[in-house]
Amino acid sequence: MAKLVQGANTRRKSVLGIVLVSLIVYLFSCSISFGSSEGFCLKTANFIQYTKELYSELGFSESVISFQAFSASVTAYYIALGKNLIKKPYLLTIIDYTQPSEKERFFVIDLKKRKILFKELVAHGKRSGKRYAQYFSNKPGSLKSSIGLYVTLSTYTGNHGYSLRLKGLEKGFNDNAQRRNIVIHGAWYVDRKMAKYLHWLGRSWGCPALSLNSVKKVIDTIKDGSALYIYYPLKNYIQTSRYLNLQKAALVFNQKIAKTTALMRP
């Protein structure tokens, strides 16, 4: 178990190093830029500050949800919002798969009210790992979880009862979600007593399964077009995802602020 945790920490530090280097390069480029690019850097700084303040205001910490997971989720949310892919704005669901399965790592957030609506246990795919999810796939039959940005679709009642369809928005990472029948559903093996005594949950065939007690309330809140982001710091994903461009997210964020400000003027 110690080796498993150590390996997860090593991967996290490696990706964090990539993120820090990218941020340093970005800040350096801002410091030597002039004219319109200076304003653009200011907008990005505003977005970064907003993300930090929201993380703190929600009462989050690294032991609850990593800031990297939260920041990536908010960034992806705003890019999707700018593409008009989200029909249900202000709702953001985050799954942080860097956390062990016995911890609550599924969060539904009301961004407008700055409030956590749900904080739940969630299972990962049986071939993604045991206590920690470490391996991910977009392939049918892999029985692994898939990371990245999703949008929620309609509900249905199937083999696992009341369930929620998901559409993966990231090619090569989760765009086979519908083909793989990756949905949110309830499962008996997502149980707090099991988590407490075994220090891990039962696992799904790739679906982010919730407890039977909470699944209906959660699904009814996030169904029909809200954003769901599943985070794990895979190096290839971090470097290639189209939904992790901080500057694009900042542009949408600042446009939304400007629009709101204009509507409030007498």
Protein backbone atom coordinates (compact mmCIF):
# COMPACT_ATOMS: atom_id res chain seq x y z
CA MET A 1 0.00 0.00 0.00
CA ALA A 2 2.88 2.37 0.84
CA LYS A 3 4.37 1.79 -2.62
CA LEU A 4 0.98 2.49 -4.20
CA VAL A 5 0.59 5.79 -2.38
CA GLN A 6 4.22 6.71 -3.09
CA GLY A 7 3.72 6.00 -6.79
CA ALA A 8 0.58 8.14 -6.91
CA ASN A 9 2.41 10.99 -5.16
CA THR A 10 5.34 10.73 -7.58
CA ARG A 11 3.01 10.98 -10.61
CA ARG A 12 1.21 13.91 -9.03
CA LYS A 13 4.51 15.75 -8.41
CA SER A 14 5.62 15.09 -11.99
CA VAL A 15 2.46 16.58 -13.47
CA LEU A 16 2.52 19.43 -10.95
CA GLY A 17 6.04 20.20 -12.18
CA ILE A 18 4.74 20.45 -15.75
CA VAL A 19 1.95 22.78 -14.61
CA LEU A 20 4.34 25.00 -12.63
CA VAL A 21 6.80 25.28 -15.51
CA SER A 22 3.95 26.21 -17.86
CA LEU A 23 2.71 28.83 -15.40
CA ILE A 24 6.20 30.32 -15.00
CA VAL A 25 6.63 30.57 -18.77
CA TYR A 26 3.20 32.16 -19.06
CA LEU A 27 3.88 34.73 -16.32
CA PHE A 28 7.27 35.55 -17.84
CA SER A 29 5.68 36.12 -21.24
CA CYS A 30 3.13 38.42 -19.61
CA SER A 31 5.85 40.41 -17.88
CA ILE A 32 7.57 41.25 -21.19
CA SER A 33 4.36 41.85 -23.18
CA PHE A 34 2.84 45.23 -23.95
CA GLY A 35 -0.36 46.67 -25.43
CA SER A 36 -3.41 44.46 -25.79
CA SER A 37 -1.61 41.36 -24.52
CA GLU A 38 -1.10 43.10 -21.18
CA GLY A 39 -4.88 43.34 -20.74
CA PHE A 40 -5.22 39.71 -21.74
CA CYS A 41 -2.76 38.69 -19.03
CA LEU A 42 -4.74 40.73 -16.51
CA LYS A 43 -7.92 38.86 -17.51
CA THR A 44 -6.16 35.54 -17.00
CA ALA A 45 -4.89 36.69 -13.60
CA ASN A 46 -8.47 37.62 -12.67
CA PHE A 47 -9.64 34.12 -13.59
CA ILE A 48 -6.87 32.47 -11.56
CA GLN A 49 -7.76 34.64 -8.58
CA TYR A 50 -11.46 33.76 -8.95
CA THR A 51 -10.61 30.03 -8.96
CA LYS A 52 -8.46 30.36 -5.84
CA GLU A 53 -11.10 32.36 -3.97
CA LEU A 54 -13.87 29.93 -4.94
CA TYR A 55 -11.79 26.94 -3.81
CA SER A 56 -11.24 28.61 -0.43
CA GLU A 57 -14.82 29.84 -0.05
CA LEU A 58 -16.17 26.33 -0.63
CA GLY A 59 -14.00 25.13 2.26
CA PHE A 60 -11.84 22.87 0.11
CA SER A 61 -8.31 21.74 0.95
CA GLU A 62 -5.84 19.28 -0.55
CA SER A 63 -7.10 16.56 1.79
CA VAL A 64 -10.65 16.98 0.40
CA ILE A 65 -10.08 17.76 -3.29
CA SER A 66 -6.80 18.79 -4.85
CA PHE A 67 -6.54 22.34 -6.14
CA GLN A 68 -5.25 20.92 -9.44
CA ALA A 69 -8.48 18.92 -9.81
CA PHE A 70 -10.62 21.91 -8.92
CA SER A 71 -8.76 24.33 -11.19
CA ALA A 72 -8.88 21.94 -14.16
CA SER A 73 -12.61 21.41 -13.61
CA VAL A 74 -13.42 25.12 -13.51
CA THR A 75 -11.23 25.76 -16.56
CA ALA A 76 -12.96 23.01 -18.55
CA TYR A 77 -16.37 24.25 -17.42
CA TYR A 78 -15.81 27.77 -18.75
CA ILE A 79 -14.43 26.57 -22.07
CA ALA A 80 -17.49 24.34 -22.52
CA LEU A 81 -19.71 27.26 -21.52
CA GLY A 82 -18.08 29.37 -24.21
CA LYS A 83 -18.84 26.65 -26.78
CA ASN A 84 -22.51 26.58 -25.68
CA LEU A 85 -22.19 22.93 -24.70
CA ILE A 86 -23.76 23.42 -21.28
CA LYS A 87 -27.52 23.82 -21.08
CA LYS A 88 -27.55 23.95 -17.29
CA PRO A 89 -25.05 26.65 -16.29
CA TYR A 90 -23.79 27.26 -12.76
CA LEU A 91 -23.77 23.55 -11.93
CA LEU A 92 -20.43 21.74 -11.94
CA THR A 93 -19.82 18.17 -10.83
CA ILE A 94 -16.24 17.14 -10.05
CA ILE A 95 -14.77 13.68 -9.43
CA ASP A 96 -11.23 13.74 -8.07
CA TYR A 97 -9.73 10.32 -8.73
CA THR A 98 -6.45 11.26 -7.03
CA GLN A 99 -8.29 10.63 -3.76
CA PRO A 100 -8.70 7.07 -2.37
CA SER A 101 -12.06 5.40 -2.90
CA GLU A 102 -13.06 5.36 0.77
CA LYS A 103 -13.16 9.17 0.75
CA GLU A 104 -15.91 11.41 -0.62
CA ARG A 105 -14.54 12.47 -3.99
CA PHE A 106 -17.71 13.33 -5.93
CA PHE A 107 -18.79 16.98 -5.57
CA VAL A 108 -21.74 18.87 -7.04
CA ILE A 109 -21.21 22.62 -6.85
CA ASP A 110 -23.57 25.53 -7.42
CA LEU A 111 -21.14 28.10 -8.86
CA LYS A 112 -23.65 30.94 -8.65
CA LYS A 113 -24.45 30.45 -4.96
CA ARG A 114 -20.90 29.22 -4.26
CA LYS A 115 -22.27 26.23 -2.41
CA ILE A 116 -21.56 22.49 -2.31
CA LEU A 117 -24.82 20.69 -3.02
CA PHE A 118 -23.56 17.11 -2.70
CA LYS A 119 -20.38 15.43 -1.43
CA GLU A 120 -20.49 11.70 -2.09
CA LEU A 121 -18.57 8.45 -2.32
CA VAL A 122 -18.06 7.29 -5.91
CA ALA A 123 -16.71 4.05 -7.38
CA HIS A 124 -14.19 3.71 -10.20
CA GLY A 125 -13.72 0.97 -12.79
CA LYS A 126 -12.54 -2.44 -11.52
CA ARG A 127 -9.50 -2.40 -13.84
CA SER A 128 -8.59 1.16 -12.92
CA GLY A 129 -7.21 0.05 -9.56
CA LYS A 130 -8.35 -1.06 -6.12
CA ARG A 131 -8.17 1.66 -3.46
CA TYR A 132 -6.82 4.24 -5.90
CA ALA A 133 -7.81 4.68 -9.53
CA GLN A 134 -4.58 4.71 -11.54
CA TYR A 135 -5.37 3.29 -14.97
CA PHE A 136 -7.84 4.77 -17.43
CA SER A 137 -9.18 3.88 -20.85
CA ASN A 138 -11.63 4.98 -23.51
CA LYS A 139 -11.88 1.49 -25.02
CA PRO A 140 -15.06 -0.61 -24.90
CA GLY A 141 -14.65 -3.66 -22.68
CA SER A 142 -11.72 -2.18 -20.74
CA LEU A 143 -13.71 -1.96 -17.46
CA LYS A 144 -11.72 1.18 -16.69
CA SER A 145 -12.83 4.69 -15.84
CA SER A 146 -12.40 7.53 -18.33
CA ILE A 147 -11.24 11.01 -17.38
CA GLY A 148 -12.06 14.45 -18.76
CA LEU A 149 -15.10 16.60 -19.41
CA TYR A 150 -18.62 15.24 -19.87
CA VAL A 151 -22.07 16.74 -20.22
CA THR A 152 -25.03 15.03 -18.58
CA LEU A 153 -27.88 13.79 -20.77
CA SER A 154 -31.28 12.21 -20.01
CA THR A 155 -32.25 9.65 -17.39
CA TYR A 156 -33.53 6.10 -17.83
CA THR A 157 -34.27 3.04 -15.74
CA GLY A 158 -32.14 0.01 -16.57
CA ASN A 159 -30.31 -2.93 -15.02
CA HIS A 160 -28.91 -0.68 -12.30
CA GLY A 161 -32.16 1.19 -11.68
CA TYR A 162 -32.45 4.94 -12.12
CA SER A 163 -29.47 6.06 -14.20
CA LEU A 164 -28.05 9.09 -16.00
CA ARG A 165 -26.52 9.00 -19.48
CA LEU A 166 -23.25 10.86 -20.06
CA LYS A 167 -21.68 12.29 -23.19
CA GLY A 168 -17.88 12.44 -23.23
CA LEU A 169 -16.54 15.60 -24.90
CA GLU A 170 -12.86 14.68 -25.13
CA LYS A 171 -11.75 12.71 -28.18
CA GLY A 172 -9.50 9.80 -27.31
CA PHE A 173 -10.17 10.10 -23.59
CA ASN A 174 -13.92 9.73 -23.01
CA ASP A 175 -15.79 10.15 -26.30
CA ASN A 176 -16.73 6.44 -26.27
CA ALA A 177 -18.79 6.93 -23.09
CA GLN A 178 -22.14 6.30 -24.77
CA ARG A 179 -20.80 3.34 -26.73
CA ARG A 180 -19.43 1.88 -23.49
CA ASN A 181 -22.66 2.64 -21.58
CA ILE A 182 -20.79 4.78 -19.08
CA VAL A 183 -23.53 6.25 -16.89
CA ILE A 184 -24.13 7.41 -13.35
CA HIS A 185 -26.08 4.77 -11.43
CA GLY A 186 -26.54 3.50 -7.91
CA ALA A 187 -24.71 0.44 -6.58
CA TRP A 188 -24.87 -1.58 -3.37
CA TYR A 189 -21.07 -1.70 -3.20
CA VAL A 190 -20.82 2.09 -2.78
CA ASP A 191 -21.38 1.94 0.94
CA ARG A 192 -20.00 3.98 3.84
CA LYS A 193 -19.63 0.99 6.14
CA MET A 194 -17.59 -0.81 3.48
CA ALA A 195 -15.46 2.28 2.99
CA LYS A 196 -14.87 2.59 6.73
CA TYR A 197 -13.88 -1.00 7.44
CA LEU A 198 -12.21 -2.08 4.19
CA HIS A 199 -10.71 1.32 3.23
CA TRP A 200 -11.88 0.84 -0.34
CA LEU A 201 -15.14 0.52 -2.26
CA GLY A 202 -16.45 -2.08 -4.64
CA ARG A 203 -15.78 -1.19 -8.26
CA SER A 204 -17.88 -0.78 -11.38
CA TRP A 205 -17.32 -1.66 -15.04
CA GLY A 206 -16.17 1.90 -15.64
CA CYS A 207 -19.17 3.89 -14.44
CA PRO A 208 -18.97 6.53 -11.69
CA ALA A 209 -21.40 4.65 -9.44
CA LEU A 210 -22.95 6.32 -6.38
CA SER A 211 -24.64 4.99 -3.27
CA LEU A 212 -28.23 3.76 -3.57
CA ASN A 213 -29.29 6.30 -0.95
CA SER A 214 -28.04 9.37 -2.81
CA VAL A 215 -28.16 8.52 -6.51
CA LYS A 216 -31.69 9.75 -7.31
CA LYS A 217 -31.26 13.12 -5.61
CA VAL A 218 -27.92 13.68 -7.34
CA ILE A 219 -29.17 12.61 -10.79
CA ASP A 220 -32.27 14.79 -10.58
CA THR A 221 -30.06 17.78 -9.75
CA ILE A 222 -27.44 17.40 -12.49
CA LYS A 223 -29.37 15.78 -15.37
CA ASP A 224 -30.12 17.40 -18.74
CA GLY A 225 -27.06 19.38 -19.68
CA SER A 226 -24.76 20.15 -16.74
CA ALA A 227 -20.98 19.73 -16.72
CA LEU A 228 -19.22 16.74 -15.14
CA TYR A 229 -15.43 16.66 -14.90
CA ILE A 230 -13.43 13.57 -13.92
CA TYR A 231 -9.88 14.42 -12.92
CA TYR A 232 -6.67 12.45 -12.83
CA PRO A 233 -3.29 13.96 -13.80
CA LEU A 234 -2.36 11.76 -16.76
CA LYS A 235 0.58 13.48 -18.43
CA ASN A 236 -0.71 12.94 -21.97
CA TYR A 237 -4.13 14.25 -21.05
CA ILE A 238 -2.83 17.36 -19.27
CA GLN A 239 -0.68 18.24 -22.27
CA THR A 240 -3.27 17.64 -25.01
CA SER A 241 -6.77 18.36 -23.65
CA ARG A 242 -8.57 21.17 -25.47
CA TYR A 243 -10.44 21.96 -22.28
CA LEU A 244 -7.48 22.93 -20.13
CA ASN A 245 -6.48 26.14 -21.93
CA LEU A 246 -6.38 28.70 -19.14
CA GLN A 247 -6.43 31.68 -21.49
CA LYS A 248 -9.55 30.50 -23.33
CA ALA A 249 -11.34 29.86 -20.05
CA ALA A 250 -10.33 33.31 -18.77
CA LEU A 251 -11.71 34.95 -21.91
CA VAL A 252 -15.14 33.34 -21.42
CA PHE A 253 -15.08 34.13 -17.69
CA ASN A 254 -14.38 37.82 -18.28
CA GLN A 255 -17.02 38.02 -21.02
CA LYS A 256 -19.59 36.65 -18.58
CA ILE A 257 -18.58 39.24 -15.98
CA ALA A 258 -18.81 42.06 -18.51
CA LYS A 259 -22.25 40.90 -19.64
CA THR A 260 -23.52 40.66 -16.05
CA THR A 261 -22.14 44.11 -15.24
CA ALA A 262 -23.85 45.61 -18.30
CA LEU A 263 -27.21 44.08 -17.32
CA MET A 264 -26.92 45.58 -13.81
CA ARG A 265 -26.42 49.13 -15.10
CA PRO A 266 -29.46 51.47 -14.77
